[in-house]
Protein backbone atom coordinates (compact mmCIF):
# COMPACT_ATOMS: atom_id res chain seq x y z
CA MET A 1 -100.15 117.89 -85.98
CA VAL A 2 -102.07 115.80 -88.50
CA THR A 3 -103.07 112.27 -87.46
CA LYS A 4 -105.53 109.79 -88.91
CA ALA A 5 -106.68 106.57 -87.31
CA LYS A 6 -104.91 104.46 -89.95
CA VAL A 7 -101.61 104.56 -88.04
CA SER A 8 -100.63 103.68 -84.49
CA SER A 9 -99.99 106.72 -82.29
CA LYS A 10 -98.41 104.36 -79.75
CA ARG A 11 -95.64 103.42 -82.19
CA ILE A 12 -95.10 107.02 -83.31
CA LEU A 13 -94.77 108.06 -79.66
CA GLU A 14 -92.30 105.23 -79.14
CA PHE A 15 -90.26 106.56 -82.08
CA TYR A 16 -90.11 110.10 -80.71
CA LYS A 17 -89.15 108.92 -77.23
CA GLU A 18 -86.38 106.76 -78.69
CA LEU A 19 -84.98 109.85 -80.40
CA GLU A 20 -85.24 111.85 -77.18
CA LYS A 21 -83.35 109.14 -75.28
CA HIS A 22 -80.38 109.69 -77.59
CA ASN A 23 -80.70 113.52 -77.73
CA VAL A 24 -81.82 113.52 -81.37
CA GLU A 25 -83.74 116.67 -82.26
CA ASN A 26 -86.58 116.02 -84.72
CA HIS A 27 -87.72 118.92 -86.89
CA GLY A 28 -90.48 117.27 -88.90
CA LEU A 29 -92.04 113.91 -89.72
CA ILE A 30 -94.52 112.88 -92.43
CA MET A 31 -96.06 109.45 -92.94
CA MET A 32 -98.07 108.68 -96.08
CA GLN A 33 -99.99 105.56 -97.07
CA ASN A 34 -101.60 104.94 -100.45
CA GLY A 35 -100.67 108.49 -101.42
CA GLU A 36 -102.46 110.06 -98.43
CA ILE A 37 -100.83 111.84 -95.47
CA VAL A 38 -101.75 109.92 -92.31
CA PHE A 39 -99.37 111.67 -89.90
CA GLU A 40 -97.59 115.00 -90.07
CA ASN A 41 -95.87 117.00 -87.35
CA TYR A 42 -93.28 119.77 -87.02
CA VAL A 43 -91.51 120.90 -83.86
CA TYR A 44 -91.60 124.68 -83.41
CA PRO A 45 -89.93 126.77 -84.81
CA TYR A 46 -89.76 124.38 -87.79
CA SER A 47 -92.86 124.24 -89.99
CA ALA A 48 -94.44 122.74 -93.09
CA ASP A 49 -93.80 125.85 -95.19
CA MET A 50 -90.09 126.14 -94.36
CA PRO A 51 -87.61 124.55 -96.81
CA HIS A 52 -84.90 122.59 -95.01
CA THR A 53 -81.36 121.58 -95.84
CA LEU A 54 -81.23 118.08 -97.35
CA PHE A 55 -77.54 117.25 -97.34
CA SER A 56 -77.15 114.06 -99.43
CA VAL A 57 -80.87 113.64 -100.13
CA THR A 58 -79.83 116.12 -102.84
CA LYS A 59 -78.09 113.24 -104.64
CA SER A 60 -81.41 111.52 -105.36
CA ILE A 61 -82.73 114.75 -106.88
CA VAL A 62 -79.60 114.85 -109.07
CA SER A 63 -80.31 111.24 -110.07
CA THR A 64 -83.78 112.32 -111.15
CA ALA A 65 -82.29 115.07 -113.33
CA ALA A 66 -80.01 112.48 -114.92
CA GLY A 67 -83.03 110.28 -115.63
CA PHE A 68 -84.74 113.11 -117.50
CA ALA A 69 -81.58 113.90 -119.49
CA ILE A 70 -81.08 110.25 -120.48
CA ASP A 71 -84.75 109.87 -121.40
CA GLU A 72 -84.50 112.96 -123.62
CA GLY A 73 -81.40 111.63 -125.38
CA LEU A 74 -79.07 114.27 -123.99
CA LEU A 75 -76.98 111.66 -122.19
CA SER A 76 -76.65 107.89 -121.98
CA LEU A 77 -75.52 105.63 -119.16
CA ASN A 78 -72.60 104.48 -121.33
CA ASP A 79 -71.27 107.95 -122.12
CA LYS A 80 -67.62 108.21 -121.12
CA ILE A 81 -66.78 110.92 -118.61
CA SER A 82 -63.66 111.74 -120.62
CA ASP A 83 -65.90 112.46 -123.64
CA ILE A 84 -68.44 114.53 -121.73
CA PHE A 85 -65.69 116.71 -120.26
CA GLY A 86 -63.12 116.39 -123.04
CA GLU A 87 -62.00 120.00 -122.68
CA TYR A 88 -60.46 119.31 -119.25
CA PRO A 89 -56.85 118.11 -118.83
CA ARG A 90 -56.52 114.70 -117.22
CA ASP A 91 -53.92 112.04 -116.52
CA ARG A 92 -53.12 109.21 -118.91
CA SER A 93 -54.66 106.41 -116.90
CA GLU A 94 -56.29 103.60 -118.88
CA GLU A 95 -59.20 103.72 -116.43
CA TRP A 96 -60.69 106.62 -118.38
CA GLU A 97 -61.74 104.11 -121.03
CA ARG A 98 -64.08 102.32 -118.65
CA LEU A 99 -65.33 105.33 -116.61
CA THR A 100 -68.91 106.13 -117.70
CA LEU A 101 -71.90 108.02 -116.40
CA ARG A 102 -73.15 104.72 -115.00
CA HIS A 103 -70.07 104.48 -112.75
CA VAL A 104 -70.47 107.91 -111.18
CA LEU A 105 -74.21 107.33 -110.68
CA THR A 106 -73.27 104.30 -108.57
CA MET A 107 -70.26 105.85 -106.77
CA GLN A 108 -67.74 103.68 -108.59
CA SER A 109 -65.45 106.20 -110.26
CA ASN A 110 -62.44 104.86 -108.31
CA LYS A 111 -61.28 108.45 -108.01
CA GLU A 112 -59.49 109.63 -104.90
CA PHE A 113 -61.92 111.64 -102.80
CA SER A 114 -60.74 115.25 -102.54
CA PHE A 115 -62.08 116.08 -99.09
CA THR A 116 -60.38 119.47 -98.83
CA GLN A 117 -61.75 120.50 -102.25
CA ASP A 118 -65.30 119.43 -101.46
CA MET A 119 -67.90 121.90 -102.80
CA THR A 120 -65.45 124.62 -103.84
CA GLY A 121 -64.04 126.07 -107.04
CA ASP A 122 -63.92 124.13 -110.31
CA TYR A 123 -65.24 120.84 -109.01
CA VAL A 124 -65.08 119.09 -112.39
CA GLY A 125 -61.49 120.20 -112.94
CA THR A 126 -60.50 118.80 -109.55
CA PHE A 127 -62.17 115.51 -110.36
CA MET A 128 -60.49 115.18 -113.75
CA LYS A 129 -57.03 115.79 -112.28
CA ALA A 130 -57.49 113.60 -109.18
CA PRO A 131 -55.70 110.23 -109.34
CA PHE A 132 -57.51 106.91 -109.50
CA ARG A 133 -57.34 104.74 -106.41
CA LYS A 134 -54.78 101.96 -106.61
CA THR A 135 -56.50 99.76 -104.02
CA ALA A 136 -59.95 99.34 -102.44
CA LYS A 137 -61.63 99.86 -105.77
CA GLY A 138 -65.37 99.73 -106.23
CA PHE A 139 -68.07 101.52 -104.27
CA LEU A 140 -66.93 104.63 -102.37
CA TYR A 141 -69.61 107.10 -101.37
CA SER A 142 -68.46 110.47 -102.70
CA ASN A 143 -69.76 113.98 -103.33
CA ASN A 144 -67.30 114.11 -106.22
CA ASP A 145 -69.10 111.42 -108.21
CA ALA A 146 -72.47 113.03 -107.52
CA HIS A 147 -71.27 116.40 -108.73
CA ILE A 148 -69.95 114.93 -111.96
CA VAL A 149 -73.47 113.66 -112.66
CA ALA A 150 -74.91 117.10 -111.89
CA ALA A 151 -72.29 118.87 -114.01
CA ALA A 152 -72.91 116.50 -116.93
CA VAL A 153 -76.64 117.24 -116.91
CA GLN A 154 -76.05 120.97 -116.63
CA LYS A 155 -73.56 120.91 -119.50
CA VAL A 156 -75.75 119.05 -121.99
CA ALA A 157 -78.91 120.89 -120.91
CA GLY A 158 -77.26 124.31 -121.12
CA MET A 159 -78.75 125.43 -117.82
CA ASN A 160 -78.44 124.77 -114.10
CA LEU A 161 -80.28 121.92 -112.39
CA VAL A 162 -82.94 124.13 -110.81
CA ASP A 163 -83.98 125.61 -114.16
CA TYR A 164 -83.80 122.20 -115.84
CA LEU A 165 -85.97 120.53 -113.21
CA MET A 166 -88.54 123.30 -112.80
CA PRO A 167 -90.82 122.33 -115.75
CA ARG A 168 -90.00 118.62 -115.51
CA LEU A 169 -90.26 117.86 -111.77
CA PHE A 170 -90.86 120.78 -109.46
CA GLU A 171 -93.76 122.57 -111.18
CA PRO A 172 -95.73 119.39 -112.01
CA LEU A 173 -95.48 118.34 -108.34
CA GLY A 174 -96.43 121.80 -107.07
CA ILE A 175 -92.96 122.46 -105.62
CA ASP A 176 -91.73 126.05 -105.33
CA LYS A 177 -88.43 126.95 -106.98
CA PRO A 178 -85.84 125.73 -104.48
CA ASN A 179 -82.69 127.32 -103.19
CA TRP A 180 -79.75 125.16 -104.28
CA GLU A 181 -76.15 126.03 -103.47
CA THR A 182 -73.82 126.82 -106.38
CA ASN A 183 -70.07 126.90 -106.76
CA PHE A 184 -68.05 129.78 -108.20
CA LEU A 185 -68.90 128.58 -111.72
CA ASP A 186 -72.62 128.88 -110.84
CA GLU A 187 -73.12 125.12 -111.10
CA ASN A 188 -75.63 123.63 -108.69
CA ILE A 189 -73.68 121.32 -106.39
CA GLY A 190 -74.39 117.64 -106.99
CA GLY A 191 -73.57 116.11 -103.62
CA THR A 192 -75.53 118.41 -101.33
CA GLY A 193 -76.96 121.91 -101.12
CA CYS A 194 -80.63 121.64 -102.13
CA TYR A 195 -83.36 122.97 -99.81
CA LEU A 196 -86.89 121.56 -100.03
CA LYS A 197 -89.93 121.20 -97.79
CA LEU A 198 -90.69 117.86 -96.18
CA ARG A 199 -93.90 117.56 -98.20
CA ASP A 200 -91.89 118.16 -101.38
CA LEU A 201 -89.71 115.17 -100.62
CA ALA A 202 -92.69 112.99 -99.71
CA LYS A 203 -94.23 113.86 -103.10
CA ILE A 204 -91.06 112.99 -105.00
CA CYS A 205 -90.74 109.68 -103.15
CA GLN A 206 -94.40 108.83 -103.77
CA CYS A 207 -93.98 109.72 -107.43
CA TYR A 208 -91.11 107.21 -107.67
CA ALA A 209 -93.21 104.59 -105.86
CA ASP A 210 -96.05 105.10 -108.37
CA GLY A 211 -93.85 104.59 -111.41
CA GLY A 212 -93.29 108.31 -111.97
CA LYS A 213 -96.97 109.31 -111.95
CA TRP A 214 -98.58 112.09 -109.94
CA ASN A 215 -102.33 112.72 -110.03
CA GLY A 216 -102.53 110.39 -113.02
CA GLU A 217 -99.92 112.30 -115.05
CA GLN A 218 -96.55 110.80 -115.98
CA ILE A 219 -93.90 113.07 -114.44
CA ILE A 220 -90.68 111.06 -114.01
CA PRO A 221 -89.93 108.50 -116.76
CA GLU A 222 -91.34 105.19 -115.52
CA TRP A 223 -88.30 103.17 -116.57
CA TRP A 224 -86.04 105.46 -114.55
CA THR A 225 -88.09 105.14 -111.36
CA LYS A 226 -87.62 101.37 -111.57
CA THR A 227 -83.95 101.15 -112.58
CA ALA A 228 -82.74 103.93 -110.25
CA THR A 229 -84.26 102.17 -107.23
CA GLU A 230 -82.83 98.72 -107.99
CA ILE A 231 -79.54 97.49 -106.52
CA LYS A 232 -76.66 98.20 -108.89
CA VAL A 233 -73.77 97.70 -106.47
CA ARG A 234 -73.28 96.06 -103.09
CA HIS A 235 -71.27 97.97 -100.54
CA SER A 236 -68.91 96.74 -97.85
CA ARG A 237 -70.84 98.12 -94.89
CA ASP A 238 -73.95 96.07 -95.65
CA LYS A 239 -73.58 93.02 -97.87
CA GLU A 240 -77.32 92.26 -97.90
CA ASN A 241 -78.41 95.58 -99.33
CA GLY A 242 -76.98 98.07 -101.78
CA TYR A 243 -77.06 101.21 -103.86
CA GLY A 244 -78.94 102.10 -107.03
CA TYR A 245 -78.56 105.28 -109.05
CA MET A 246 -78.04 107.50 -106.00
CA PHE A 247 -80.77 105.75 -104.00
CA TRP A 248 -80.13 103.43 -101.05
CA ILE A 249 -81.85 100.04 -101.32
CA PHE A 250 -82.71 97.75 -98.38
CA ASP A 251 -85.13 94.83 -98.03
CA GLY A 252 -86.79 95.73 -101.33
CA ASN A 253 -87.39 99.33 -100.24
CA PHE A 254 -85.62 102.47 -101.43
CA SER A 255 -84.46 105.51 -99.54
CA MET A 256 -83.05 109.01 -100.04
CA ASP A 257 -80.65 109.70 -97.17
CA GLY A 258 -78.80 112.78 -95.97
CA MET A 259 -76.29 113.35 -93.19
CA PHE A 260 -77.50 113.76 -89.61
CA GLY A 261 -80.82 112.03 -90.18
CA GLN A 262 -82.47 113.61 -93.24
CA ARG A 263 -84.36 110.67 -94.71
CA VAL A 264 -87.19 109.73 -97.07
CA THR A 265 -88.09 106.05 -97.42
CA TYR A 266 -90.63 104.04 -99.38
CA LEU A 267 -91.91 100.88 -97.66
CA LYS A 268 -93.21 98.64 -100.40
CA GLU A 269 -95.03 96.22 -98.07
CA HIS A 270 -97.23 99.02 -96.73
CA ASN A 271 -97.26 101.27 -99.84
CA ALA A 272 -96.06 103.92 -97.44
CA VAL A 273 -93.70 106.89 -97.50
CA ILE A 274 -91.94 108.12 -94.36
CA ALA A 275 -90.03 111.43 -94.49
CA GLY A 276 -88.13 113.01 -91.62
CA PHE A 277 -85.90 116.02 -90.94
CA ASN A 278 -83.62 115.76 -87.93
CA SER A 279 -80.63 117.44 -86.35
CA CYS A 280 -77.36 116.12 -85.02
CA VAL A 281 -77.63 112.36 -85.57
CA TYR A 282 -74.05 111.08 -85.38
CA ASP A 283 -74.78 107.42 -84.83
CA ASN A 284 -77.41 104.95 -86.02
CA TYR A 285 -80.04 105.83 -83.41
CA PHE A 286 -82.32 107.54 -85.90
CA SER A 287 -81.94 104.89 -88.62
CA GLU A 288 -82.59 102.05 -86.19
CA ALA A 289 -85.68 103.73 -84.74
CA PHE A 290 -86.87 104.71 -88.20
CA GLU A 291 -86.54 101.17 -89.56
CA LYS A 292 -87.62 99.15 -86.52
CA ILE A 293 -90.41 101.23 -85.00
CA LEU A 294 -92.21 103.35 -87.60
CA PRO A 295 -93.16 100.50 -90.00
CA LYS A 296 -95.10 98.93 -87.12
CA ALA A 297 -97.34 102.00 -87.07
CA PHE A 298 -98.90 100.76 -90.32
CA THR A 299 -99.73 97.32 -88.92
CA GLU A 300 -101.34 98.32 -85.60
CA THR A 301 -104.54 100.23 -84.94
CA CYS A 302 -104.67 103.64 -83.29
CA GLU A 303 -106.25 103.95 -79.84
CA ASP A 304 -107.68 107.23 -78.56
CA GLU A 305 -105.65 107.36 -75.34
CA TRP A 306 -102.38 106.98 -77.25
CA GLU A 307 -103.38 109.73 -79.67
CA VAL A 308 -103.97 112.11 -76.75
CA GLU A 309 -100.67 111.14 -75.12
CA LEU A 310 -98.82 111.61 -78.42
CA ALA A 311 -100.34 115.07 -78.92
CA GLU A 312 -99.37 116.14 -75.40
CA TYR A 313 -95.85 114.82 -75.84
CA LEU A 314 -95.32 116.54 -79.19
CA ASN A 315 -96.50 119.84 -77.72
CA SER A 316 -93.81 119.50 -75.05
CA LEU A 317 -91.09 119.27 -77.69
CA ASP A 318 -91.52 122.80 -79.02
CA HIS A 319 -88.45 124.99 -78.49
CA LYS A 320 -89.54 127.60 -75.95
CA PRO A 321 -87.36 130.70 -75.43
CA ILE A 322 -86.12 131.67 -71.97
CA LYS A 323 -87.04 135.16 -70.78
CA CYS A 324 -84.22 137.52 -69.85
CA ASN A 325 -85.14 138.83 -66.38
CA LYS A 326 -82.22 141.25 -66.07
CA LEU A 327 -80.78 143.35 -68.85
CA PRO A 328 -77.02 143.00 -69.32
CA GLU A 329 -74.59 145.89 -69.40
CA ILE A 330 -73.11 145.89 -72.89
CA PRO A 331 -70.73 148.32 -74.66
CA THR A 332 -72.94 149.91 -77.31
CA GLY A 333 -71.72 152.35 -79.92
CA LYS A 334 -68.40 150.56 -80.33
CA ILE A 335 -67.01 148.33 -83.07
CA PHE A 336 -65.04 145.24 -82.06
CA ARG A 337 -62.50 143.18 -83.99
CA LEU A 338 -60.89 139.85 -83.31
CA SER A 339 -57.69 140.05 -81.31
CA PRO A 340 -54.60 138.99 -83.28
CA ALA A 341 -54.33 135.72 -81.33
CA SER A 342 -58.00 134.79 -81.86
CA ASN A 343 -57.79 135.85 -85.50
CA ALA A 344 -54.82 133.55 -86.13
CA LEU A 345 -56.40 130.67 -84.20
CA ALA A 346 -59.70 130.91 -86.09
CA LYS A 347 -57.92 130.72 -89.44
CA ILE A 348 -56.43 127.30 -88.67
CA MET A 349 -59.57 125.46 -89.82
CA PHE A 350 -62.51 127.54 -91.08
CA PRO A 351 -63.18 131.28 -90.74
CA ALA A 352 -64.96 132.34 -87.58
CA SER A 353 -68.65 133.26 -87.74
CA LEU A 354 -71.56 133.77 -85.37
CA ILE A 355 -73.48 131.44 -87.69
CA PRO A 356 -72.82 127.76 -86.84
CA ARG A 357 -69.57 126.61 -88.45
CA SER A 358 -71.15 123.29 -89.44
CA LEU A 359 -73.41 125.38 -91.69
CA THR A 360 -70.83 127.76 -93.15
CA SER A 361 -68.39 124.92 -93.82
CA SER A 362 -70.98 123.32 -96.10
CA PHE A 363 -71.36 126.41 -98.30
CA ALA A 364 -70.31 125.91 -101.88
CA LYS A 365 -69.44 129.59 -101.72
CA ARG A 366 -68.22 130.45 -98.27
CA PRO A 367 -66.37 133.41 -96.73
CA LYS A 368 -62.60 133.03 -96.76
CA SER A 369 -61.88 135.38 -93.87
CA ASN A 370 -63.09 135.79 -90.28
CA LEU A 371 -66.05 137.89 -89.24
CA ASN A 372 -65.22 141.52 -88.59
CA ASP A 373 -66.59 144.83 -87.27
CA VAL A 374 -68.87 143.36 -84.59
CA SER A 375 -71.18 145.75 -82.75
CA PHE A 376 -74.05 145.45 -80.28
CA SER A 377 -77.22 147.33 -79.42
CA LEU A 378 -79.87 146.79 -76.78
CA THR A 379 -83.48 147.66 -75.98
CA LYS A 380 -85.58 146.24 -73.17
CA ASP A 381 -86.90 143.54 -75.52
CA VAL A 382 -84.17 142.91 -78.12
CA PHE A 383 -80.43 142.29 -78.13
CA THR A 384 -78.95 142.95 -81.59
CA VAL A 385 -75.63 141.74 -82.97
CA ARG A 386 -74.27 143.17 -86.20
CA TRP A 387 -71.14 142.07 -88.06
CA THR A 388 -69.59 141.68 -91.50
CA GLU A 389 -68.28 138.64 -93.35
CA GLU A 390 -66.40 139.97 -96.37
CA GLU A 391 -69.03 141.83 -98.46
CA ASP A 392 -72.03 140.70 -96.38
CA GLU A 393 -73.44 142.59 -93.40
CA ILE A 394 -75.37 140.35 -91.05
CA VAL A 395 -77.79 141.42 -88.34
CA ILE A 396 -79.35 139.07 -85.80
CA ASN A 397 -82.05 140.20 -83.38
CA CYS A 398 -82.42 138.12 -80.21
CA GLY A 399 -85.63 138.36 -78.19
CA LEU A 400 -85.16 139.12 -74.49
CA ASP A 401 -88.84 139.05 -73.46
CA GLY A 402 -89.47 135.32 -73.87
CA GLU A 403 -90.40 135.79 -77.52
CA PRO A 404 -87.93 134.87 -80.28
CA ARG A 405 -87.13 137.26 -83.09
CA MET A 406 -86.76 136.25 -86.73
CA SER A 407 -84.01 137.82 -88.83
CA GLU A 408 -83.04 137.17 -92.42
CA CYS A 409 -79.43 137.22 -93.52
CA SER A 410 -77.60 136.55 -96.75
CA ILE A 411 -74.14 134.97 -96.80
CA LYS A 412 -72.54 134.54 -100.22
CA GLY A 413 -75.98 134.77 -101.80
CA TYR A 414 -77.61 132.14 -99.59
CA VAL A 415 -80.54 133.39 -97.52
CA TYR A 416 -81.04 132.10 -93.99
CA LYS A 417 -83.91 132.76 -91.62
CA ILE A 418 -82.51 133.16 -88.11
CA TRP A 419 -84.69 132.44 -85.06
CA ALA A 420 -82.98 133.76 -81.92
CA TYR A 421 -83.42 134.71 -78.29
CA ALA A 422 -81.10 135.65 -75.41
CA PHE A 423 -81.10 135.35 -71.60
CA MET A 424 -78.81 135.88 -68.63
CA LYS A 425 -77.01 133.00 -66.90
CA ASP A 426 -74.19 133.19 -64.37
CA GLY A 427 -73.79 136.89 -65.07
CA LYS A 428 -73.26 136.41 -68.78
CA LEU A 429 -75.56 136.92 -71.75
CA ASN A 430 -76.38 133.73 -73.65
CA ALA A 431 -77.91 133.66 -77.12
CA VAL A 432 -79.54 130.74 -78.96
CA VAL A 433 -79.31 131.17 -82.73
CA LYS A 434 -81.17 128.80 -85.06
CA PRO A 435 -81.00 129.17 -88.84
CA ILE A 436 -84.27 127.29 -89.16
CA ASN A 437 -83.90 126.31 -92.82
CA THR A 438 -80.93 124.23 -91.68
CA LEU A 439 -80.32 121.63 -88.97
CA ALA A 440 -77.87 123.87 -87.11
CA THR A 441 -78.06 125.67 -83.77
CA GLN A 442 -75.44 127.97 -82.27
CA LYS A 443 -75.30 128.77 -78.56
CA ILE A 444 -73.15 131.82 -77.86
CA THR A 445 -71.99 133.12 -74.47
CA PHE A 446 -71.08 136.84 -74.41
CA ASP A 447 -68.73 138.01 -71.63
CA PHE A 448 -68.69 141.81 -71.85
CA SER A 449 -66.28 144.40 -70.47
CA PRO A 450 -66.03 148.07 -71.57
CA ASN A 451 -63.45 147.55 -74.35
CA LYS A 452 -63.46 143.82 -74.78
CA VAL A 453 -65.89 140.98 -75.32
CA LYS A 454 -65.13 137.28 -75.12
CA LEU A 455 -67.35 134.87 -77.07
CA LYS A 456 -67.67 131.15 -76.54
CA PHE A 457 -69.52 128.96 -79.03
CA LYS A 458 -71.25 125.62 -78.81
CA GLY A 459 -72.68 124.42 -82.11
CA THR A 460 -75.14 121.67 -82.88
CA PRO A 461 -74.12 119.72 -84.86
CA SER A 462 -70.69 120.04 -83.28
CA PHE A 463 -68.24 121.37 -85.86
CA VAL A 464 -65.64 118.88 -84.62
CA ASP A 465 -68.02 115.96 -85.16
CA PHE A 466 -69.22 117.40 -88.47
CA ILE A 467 -65.76 117.56 -90.04
CA ALA A 468 -64.42 114.40 -88.38
CA LYS A 469 -67.42 112.42 -89.63
CA ASN A 470 -66.83 113.64 -93.18
CA ALA A 471 -63.10 112.93 -92.98
CA ASP A 472 -63.78 109.41 -91.75
CA GLN A 473 -66.53 108.44 -94.20
CA SER A 474 -64.80 110.02 -97.19
CA ASP A 475 -61.71 107.88 -96.62
CA PHE A 476 -59.71 111.11 -96.28
CA ILE A 477 -57.96 109.33 -93.42
CA LYS A 478 -57.05 105.97 -94.87
CA ASN A 479 -58.29 102.86 -93.11
CA SER A 480 -55.00 101.72 -91.67
CA GLY A 481 -56.10 99.42 -88.86
CA ALA A 482 -55.02 100.46 -85.39
CA VAL A 483 -53.41 103.65 -86.71
CA LYS A 484 -56.67 105.22 -87.88
CA PRO A 485 -58.17 105.83 -84.39
CA THR A 486 -54.97 107.62 -83.42
CA LEU A 487 -55.09 109.78 -86.54
CA MET A 488 -58.73 110.61 -85.88
CA LYS A 489 -57.79 111.79 -82.37
CA VAL A 490 -55.18 114.09 -83.90
CA VAL A 491 -57.77 115.49 -86.33
CA ARG A 492 -60.26 116.07 -83.51
CA LYS A 493 -57.60 117.79 -81.41
CA ALA A 494 -56.79 120.16 -84.25
CA LEU A 495 -60.48 120.84 -84.88
CA SER A 496 -61.10 121.56 -81.19
CA THR A 497 -59.33 124.91 -81.64
CA THR A 498 -62.57 126.11 -83.27
CA GLU A 499 -64.39 125.68 -79.94
CA MET A 500 -61.98 127.84 -77.92
CA PRO A 501 -63.23 131.25 -76.72
CA MET A 502 -62.52 134.19 -79.03
CA THR A 503 -61.61 137.66 -77.80
CA PHE A 504 -62.75 140.84 -79.57
CA ARG A 505 -61.34 144.29 -78.73
CA SER A 506 -62.83 147.70 -79.52
CA ARG A 507 -61.13 149.64 -82.30
């Protein structure tokens, strides 16, 4: 933990306890003032040197790439989307004449949101063929619009976003080359999929706040830092504030926001940056605490007793493994496959995996079939699970001695660092699996018998909540008054099949 007397430990402690009250898991928090870090903390096993999934914070990075491309004359805000992607077939709507890069930068394409096509295949082709909305035109937050911006930059630059941004943004700010999910056309996804460290995001935000300068050098074009963070469109959920070029604007401040509480905000009044990584924030608890409590830390002095209490509290938040006091009896040397019934059930929504479904469902490239060929091995200190997902073999080691084990796995080219341990409870083996460069956690209960094993999963974020939230916010389920809650219940009921136990039988 890094703290300096410039901020109030009492208010920071209040913030953490407010999150705890609502079961919000914080992974990291940075507070900067006048370009200097005044508070920094990570909750074990998360750390300063571990890149983290950003979800829609990615959109603001895409906006930055667009700013560079426009400044270099590769694009303009008034370029028509139909001209940029003229090789794609499209409908004959007159709306193509008014649809420009400016509209997709502000989420105003008026295109129907293709929820089921999100982050897969030829994203641009899907967008070009999708119909325009007939009603409720204007602002509609959409990964589709964001990806069109990303695809436009990649097309005119002749390279992917990571390579384009390396000499322009990442290297000048001292940011390592990031992992960024790609689709099957090897385009970096525009709506989500970038992984950066919390300090990386704080730097980018501070660079915007300082007119694009970092250590006295102009990095981001100054004019873009100003125009991108000014309100361009008001949105229905908050008439007083608005949206810029893929930045959220409120009370004169700007923010980069991602699902489940990934957030980086600049507070103009205090010349301060606050950046946080969190897990499983379904409601507004994090945003309310972030906006109402943390700014007060810059207006109040720090007292020694509060700093000690904060340090003790933060130490108590670390995720501590449970020791396995009795080794389970498991069928080693056998290979297990999903029973026909479980195999059919798992295919209803998304393929089954021992990795949290909320993570695998966000892959731009994700397995299309269920996990297979599951096997187990055991020593006095480690429980190992091995399985395949299409061409990938995945191995997770779970510590049994009160010490977690770290494994590295690759799924569709994306590398995840898995922190895991296992323990006995009610006669069954339980494993806690955390891909720590994400916000996800999977708790798995193994019920073994000689030729069969039954697995039950509990994911955080809940896969049901993850998909239902996306379906709701994307307008996939139309806002039809009293009917919508009923439709959402139907969707949740269908999704709940993914939380049913799965049975595996030995071959």
